[in-house]
Amino acid sequence: MNIEREQIDSWELWNSFRILREHHSQLSIALDISPSLPSANSLGRWFGEPVRAAIIYTNSFLTNAKGYPCLSKCHQQLMSGFFNHSIQVINVQ
C-alpha cells in the first residue's frame, strides 16, 4: 500500500497557532532555513509576520569556485530580505 505523505505548510501551522493565541502582540517566531527552500510566494508570506530570528544551518552553504562557502542565489535573496527587516540570523551546525 502506497500512502502519499502530505507536505506540511509551516505558515499554515503558524497561522493556526497564532489564531489560537488570538494574535497576541508578544507572539513571534524563529524560522529554520533548510538547504531546500519553498517557492518565493511561500517565503514572501513570512515577511508579513513577526519573525524575530532565522536559523540557517551550515549544510545550507555551498562551496564557490574559489573554495569559499556561499549561499545559493535564492538563499542570498532570502537573507537580504531578513536583514532588511532586522531579523536576527543565527548560523548553526
N, C-alpha and C. Protein backbone atom coordinates (compact mmCIF):
# COMPACT_ATOMS: atom_id res chain seq x y z
N MET A 1 0.84 -1.17 0.00
CA MET A 1 0.00 0.00 0.00
C MET A 1 0.89 1.24 0.00
N ASN A 2 0.67 2.14 -0.94
CA ASN A 2 1.47 3.35 -1.07
C ASN A 2 0.65 4.55 -0.61
N ILE A 3 1.02 5.12 0.51
CA ILE A 3 0.32 6.28 1.04
C ILE A 3 1.22 7.50 0.86
N GLU A 4 0.72 8.49 0.11
CA GLU A 4 1.49 9.72 -0.07
C GLU A 4 1.38 10.59 1.17
N ARG A 5 2.49 11.12 1.57
CA ARG A 5 2.53 11.99 2.74
C ARG A 5 2.32 13.42 2.28
N GLU A 6 1.34 14.09 2.91
CA GLU A 6 1.09 15.48 2.56
C GLU A 6 2.23 16.36 3.06
N GLN A 7 2.59 17.33 2.25
CA GLN A 7 3.63 18.26 2.66
C GLN A 7 3.03 19.26 3.64
N ILE A 8 3.72 19.47 4.73
CA ILE A 8 3.24 20.38 5.76
C ILE A 8 3.62 21.81 5.39
N ASP A 9 2.65 22.69 5.43
CA ASP A 9 2.89 24.11 5.16
C ASP A 9 3.13 24.79 6.50
N SER A 10 4.37 25.18 6.75
CA SER A 10 4.73 25.76 8.05
C SER A 10 3.98 27.06 8.33
N TRP A 11 3.70 27.84 7.29
CA TRP A 11 2.97 29.08 7.52
C TRP A 11 1.55 28.79 7.98
N GLU A 12 0.92 27.78 7.42
CA GLU A 12 -0.44 27.40 7.84
C GLU A 12 -0.44 26.95 9.30
N LEU A 13 0.58 26.19 9.71
CA LEU A 13 0.69 25.79 11.12
C LEU A 13 0.85 27.01 12.01
N TRP A 14 1.73 27.91 11.62
CA TRP A 14 1.94 29.15 12.36
C TRP A 14 0.64 29.93 12.47
N ASN A 15 -0.06 30.09 11.36
CA ASN A 15 -1.29 30.86 11.34
C ASN A 15 -2.34 30.24 12.27
N SER A 16 -2.45 28.94 12.27
CA SER A 16 -3.40 28.26 13.17
C SER A 16 -3.04 28.51 14.63
N PHE A 17 -1.75 28.41 14.95
CA PHE A 17 -1.30 28.66 16.31
C PHE A 17 -1.56 30.11 16.71
N ARG A 18 -1.26 31.02 15.81
CA ARG A 18 -1.45 32.44 16.09
C ARG A 18 -2.93 32.75 16.35
N ILE A 19 -3.81 32.13 15.58
CA ILE A 19 -5.25 32.33 15.78
C ILE A 19 -5.67 31.80 17.15
N LEU A 20 -5.13 30.63 17.53
CA LEU A 20 -5.44 30.07 18.85
C LEU A 20 -5.01 31.02 19.97
N ARG A 21 -3.93 31.74 19.75
CA ARG A 21 -3.41 32.68 20.75
C ARG A 21 -3.99 34.08 20.55
N GLU A 22 -5.01 34.20 19.70
CA GLU A 22 -5.72 35.45 19.45
C GLU A 22 -4.80 36.58 19.02
N HIS A 23 -3.83 36.25 18.17
CA HIS A 23 -2.90 37.24 17.60
C HIS A 23 -2.20 38.06 18.67
N HIS A 24 -1.80 37.40 19.74
CA HIS A 24 -1.15 38.10 20.86
C HIS A 24 0.04 38.91 20.36
N SER A 25 0.16 40.13 20.81
CA SER A 25 1.19 41.06 20.31
C SER A 25 2.61 40.64 20.70
N GLN A 26 2.77 39.82 21.72
CA GLN A 26 4.11 39.40 22.13
C GLN A 26 4.52 38.07 21.51
N LEU A 27 3.69 37.53 20.65
CA LEU A 27 3.99 36.26 19.99
C LEU A 27 4.83 36.51 18.74
N SER A 28 5.95 35.83 18.65
CA SER A 28 6.81 35.94 17.47
C SER A 28 7.36 34.56 17.15
N ILE A 29 8.11 34.46 16.07
CA ILE A 29 8.56 33.15 15.60
C ILE A 29 10.00 33.22 15.12
N ALA A 30 10.68 32.07 15.21
CA ALA A 30 12.01 31.88 14.62
C ALA A 30 11.85 30.84 13.53
N LEU A 31 12.45 31.07 12.39
CA LEU A 31 12.33 30.16 11.25
C LEU A 31 13.60 29.34 11.07
N ASP A 32 13.43 28.05 10.80
CA ASP A 32 14.54 27.19 10.39
C ASP A 32 14.67 27.30 8.88
N ILE A 33 15.85 27.63 8.42
CA ILE A 33 16.08 27.76 6.97
C ILE A 33 16.88 26.52 6.53
N SER A 34 16.26 25.71 5.72
CA SER A 34 16.89 24.47 5.27
C SER A 34 17.60 24.66 3.93
N PRO A 35 18.38 23.66 3.51
CA PRO A 35 19.05 23.77 2.20
C PRO A 35 18.08 23.89 1.03
N SER A 36 16.91 23.28 1.14
CA SER A 36 15.91 23.41 0.07
C SER A 36 14.83 24.38 0.53
N LEU A 37 14.55 25.36 -0.30
CA LEU A 37 13.58 26.39 0.05
C LEU A 37 12.27 26.18 -0.69
N PRO A 38 11.15 26.59 -0.08
CA PRO A 38 9.88 26.57 -0.80
C PRO A 38 9.85 27.68 -1.84
N SER A 39 8.74 27.83 -2.51
CA SER A 39 8.61 28.85 -3.56
C SER A 39 8.76 30.26 -2.99
N ALA A 40 9.06 31.18 -3.87
CA ALA A 40 9.20 32.59 -3.47
C ALA A 40 7.90 33.11 -2.87
N ASN A 41 6.76 32.67 -3.39
CA ASN A 41 5.47 33.10 -2.84
C ASN A 41 5.29 32.60 -1.41
N SER A 42 5.68 31.36 -1.16
CA SER A 42 5.58 30.81 0.20
C SER A 42 6.49 31.57 1.15
N LEU A 43 7.70 31.87 0.70
CA LEU A 43 8.64 32.61 1.54
C LEU A 43 8.16 34.03 1.80
N GLY A 44 7.56 34.64 0.81
CA GLY A 44 7.11 36.03 0.92
C GLY A 44 6.08 36.23 2.02
N ARG A 45 5.29 35.21 2.32
CA ARG A 45 4.27 35.34 3.37
C ARG A 45 4.91 35.61 4.73
N TRP A 46 6.12 35.12 4.94
CA TRP A 46 6.77 35.29 6.25
C TRP A 46 7.16 36.73 6.53
N PHE A 47 7.34 37.54 5.48
CA PHE A 47 7.76 38.92 5.71
C PHE A 47 6.65 39.79 6.28
N GLY A 48 5.43 39.28 6.31
CA GLY A 48 4.33 39.98 6.95
C GLY A 48 4.08 39.49 8.37
N GLU A 49 4.94 38.62 8.84
CA GLU A 49 4.78 38.02 10.17
C GLU A 49 5.83 38.53 11.14
N PRO A 50 5.61 38.35 12.44
CA PRO A 50 6.58 38.81 13.44
C PRO A 50 7.75 37.83 13.60
N VAL A 51 8.53 37.69 12.54
CA VAL A 51 9.71 36.82 12.58
C VAL A 51 10.81 37.57 13.32
N ARG A 52 11.38 36.94 14.35
CA ARG A 52 12.44 37.58 15.12
C ARG A 52 13.81 37.01 14.79
N ALA A 53 13.83 35.75 14.35
CA ALA A 53 15.13 35.11 14.06
C ALA A 53 14.97 34.12 12.92
N ALA A 54 16.06 33.95 12.19
CA ALA A 54 16.15 32.94 11.14
C ALA A 54 17.36 32.07 11.46
N ILE A 55 17.14 30.78 11.57
CA ILE A 55 18.21 29.84 11.90
C ILE A 55 18.62 29.15 10.61
N ILE A 56 19.85 29.39 10.18
CA ILE A 56 20.34 28.78 8.95
C ILE A 56 21.46 27.80 9.31
N TYR A 57 21.36 26.62 8.76
CA TYR A 57 22.30 25.56 9.08
C TYR A 57 23.48 25.57 8.11
N THR A 58 24.63 25.14 8.60
CA THR A 58 25.84 25.16 7.77
C THR A 58 25.69 24.32 6.51
N ASN A 59 24.83 23.29 6.53
CA ASN A 59 24.66 22.47 5.33
C ASN A 59 23.86 23.20 4.25
N SER A 60 23.40 24.41 4.54
CA SER A 60 22.73 25.24 3.52
C SER A 60 23.74 25.98 2.66
N PHE A 61 25.01 26.00 3.09
CA PHE A 61 26.04 26.70 2.34
C PHE A 61 26.63 25.80 1.26
N LEU A 62 26.97 26.42 0.15
CA LEU A 62 27.64 25.75 -0.96
C LEU A 62 29.10 26.18 -0.95
N THR A 63 29.89 25.56 -1.79
CA THR A 63 31.29 25.98 -1.96
C THR A 63 31.42 26.62 -3.33
N ASN A 64 31.95 27.84 -3.37
CA ASN A 64 32.08 28.52 -4.66
C ASN A 64 33.34 28.03 -5.40
N ALA A 65 33.58 28.60 -6.56
CA ALA A 65 34.70 28.17 -7.41
C ALA A 65 36.05 28.35 -6.74
N LYS A 66 36.16 29.28 -5.82
CA LYS A 66 37.43 29.52 -5.12
C LYS A 66 37.53 28.73 -3.82
N GLY A 67 36.51 27.91 -3.54
CA GLY A 67 36.54 27.08 -2.34
C GLY A 67 35.98 27.71 -1.09
N TYR A 68 35.36 28.87 -1.23
CA TYR A 68 34.79 29.57 -0.07
C TYR A 68 33.30 29.23 0.08
N PRO A 69 32.80 29.25 1.31
CA PRO A 69 31.37 28.98 1.50
C PRO A 69 30.53 30.15 0.98
N CYS A 70 29.41 29.81 0.38
CA CYS A 70 28.49 30.82 -0.12
C CYS A 70 27.08 30.24 -0.06
N LEU A 71 26.10 31.07 -0.28
CA LEU A 71 24.71 30.62 -0.32
C LEU A 71 24.21 30.67 -1.76
N SER A 72 23.21 29.86 -2.05
CA SER A 72 22.58 29.90 -3.37
C SER A 72 21.95 31.28 -3.56
N LYS A 73 21.64 31.64 -4.79
CA LYS A 73 21.02 32.94 -5.07
C LYS A 73 19.71 33.09 -4.31
N CYS A 74 18.92 32.03 -4.24
CA CYS A 74 17.64 32.09 -3.51
C CYS A 74 17.87 32.34 -2.03
N HIS A 75 18.85 31.65 -1.44
CA HIS A 75 19.17 31.86 -0.03
C HIS A 75 19.70 33.28 0.19
N GLN A 76 20.51 33.78 -0.74
CA GLN A 76 21.03 35.13 -0.61
C GLN A 76 19.91 36.16 -0.61
N GLN A 77 18.94 35.99 -1.49
CA GLN A 77 17.81 36.91 -1.55
C GLN A 77 16.99 36.85 -0.27
N LEU A 78 16.79 35.64 0.25
CA LEU A 78 16.05 35.48 1.49
C LEU A 78 16.77 36.16 2.65
N MET A 79 18.08 35.92 2.77
CA MET A 79 18.86 36.54 3.85
C MET A 79 18.85 38.06 3.72
N SER A 80 18.95 38.57 2.52
CA SER A 80 18.90 40.01 2.30
C SER A 80 17.57 40.57 2.79
N GLY A 81 16.49 39.87 2.49
CA GLY A 81 15.17 40.29 2.98
C GLY A 81 15.11 40.29 4.49
N PHE A 82 15.71 39.27 5.12
CA PHE A 82 15.73 39.21 6.57
C PHE A 82 16.51 40.39 7.14
N PHE A 83 17.67 40.70 6.56
CA PHE A 83 18.46 41.83 7.04
C PHE A 83 17.68 43.14 6.91
N ASN A 84 16.94 43.28 5.81
CA ASN A 84 16.14 44.49 5.59
C ASN A 84 15.00 44.62 6.60
N HIS A 85 14.59 43.51 7.19
CA HIS A 85 13.51 43.52 8.19
C HIS A 85 14.06 43.38 9.62
N SER A 86 15.34 43.57 9.79
CA SER A 86 16.00 43.49 11.10
C SER A 86 15.75 42.16 11.82
N ILE A 87 15.76 41.09 11.06
CA ILE A 87 15.60 39.75 11.62
C ILE A 87 16.98 39.21 11.96
N GLN A 88 17.14 38.71 13.17
CA GLN A 88 18.42 38.15 13.60
C GLN A 88 18.67 36.85 12.86
N VAL A 89 19.84 36.71 12.29
CA VAL A 89 20.22 35.47 11.59
C VAL A 89 21.20 34.71 12.45
N ILE A 90 20.91 33.44 12.68
CA ILE A 90 21.73 32.57 13.53
C ILE A 90 22.22 31.42 12.69
N ASN A 91 23.52 31.18 12.68
CA ASN A 91 24.10 30.06 11.94
C ASN A 91 24.47 28.95 12.91
N VAL A 92 23.99 27.73 12.63
CA VAL A 92 24.30 26.58 13.49
C VAL A 92 24.71 25.39 12.63
N GLN A 93 25.40 24.44 13.27
CA GLN A 93 25.81 23.24 12.54
C GLN A 93 24.73 22.22 12.51
